[in-house]
Amino acid sequence: MRSRLWWALPPVALLSVFFLYPLALVVRQSFQPDGGGTSVQPYADVLASEAFRRALWTTVWLALGSTAGCLVLGFLLALVIAFVPFPGAQAAARFIDVYLSFPSFLITLALLFIYGTTGIVGSLPFLTTPWGVLLAEVTYFTPFVMRPLLAAFAQLDTAQLEAAGSLGARAPRIVQQIILPEALPALAAGGSLVLVLCLNEFGIVLFTGAKGVTTLPTLVYGKAILESDYPGACVVAVVNVLLSVGLYGLYRVVSRRAGA
């Protein structure tokens, strides 16, 4: 027992130095207004500001909208790859694993190169609006839903599908009554993960250059870098961390139930 504790000390020490200590500094700074001392005034100022409320609302609806889009598109694409025989299906499934390693800003830049003001296809003004951010997030995060779905579909008993088909059930009914119930845990796990990632997404919002779109991460950047309001930036960061940790807890619960 004692030897196990000794082995646990190095990772705990590294975690404390490189994560917990900086996080503690952020929390402490959020209670230290520019005038000195310790106070909850930075929280009162930030939480009462219109900019924070707009950023919070924008962050929430973009995250929820992107998650919903990823769930629908990811489910449909996973169905095609898993159950519709076509040349290259295995290659498409493997590409998803590679796609997950791409940085988010790369996908945004690709959309801008194709559909931006000087793009290959032509200018689509909505790319610099909240809908452009939504499109970029759905495009980038959909594979995060597809990956657990493909794993769940690979374990599905195909005999059930064959029996249903031999009894005259059409494809929509098979999907609704057999495939979808089996996919619900994977959908919940993938959706929870995407929701957490969208909540903290910074690169996509920044690189789209969407006008008037300010999320909590970009608000932290604006207050810290542009306004030099470090206590206010720390307050927004603490709120963002609390939301993320709460959603991550939900993701872990869902993942455990899904067996992911």
Foldseek 3Di string as FASTA:
>chain_A
DVVVVVVVVVVVVVCCVPPVVVLVVLVQLLQAAPVGDGHPVLVVVLVPDPVNVQQAVLLQVLLVLLLVLLLVVLVVVLCCLLPPDDPCSVVVLVVLVVLLPDDLLVLLVVCCQQAPCPHPPHHDPCCLASVVLSVSLNVSLSSLLNNLLNVLSVPFDCVVVVVCVVVPDDPVVCCVPPSVVSCVLSSQLSSLVSSLCSSQDDSSNVNSNRPPNHHLNNVLVCCVPVVVRSSNSSSSVVVSVVVSVVSVVVSVVSCVVNVD
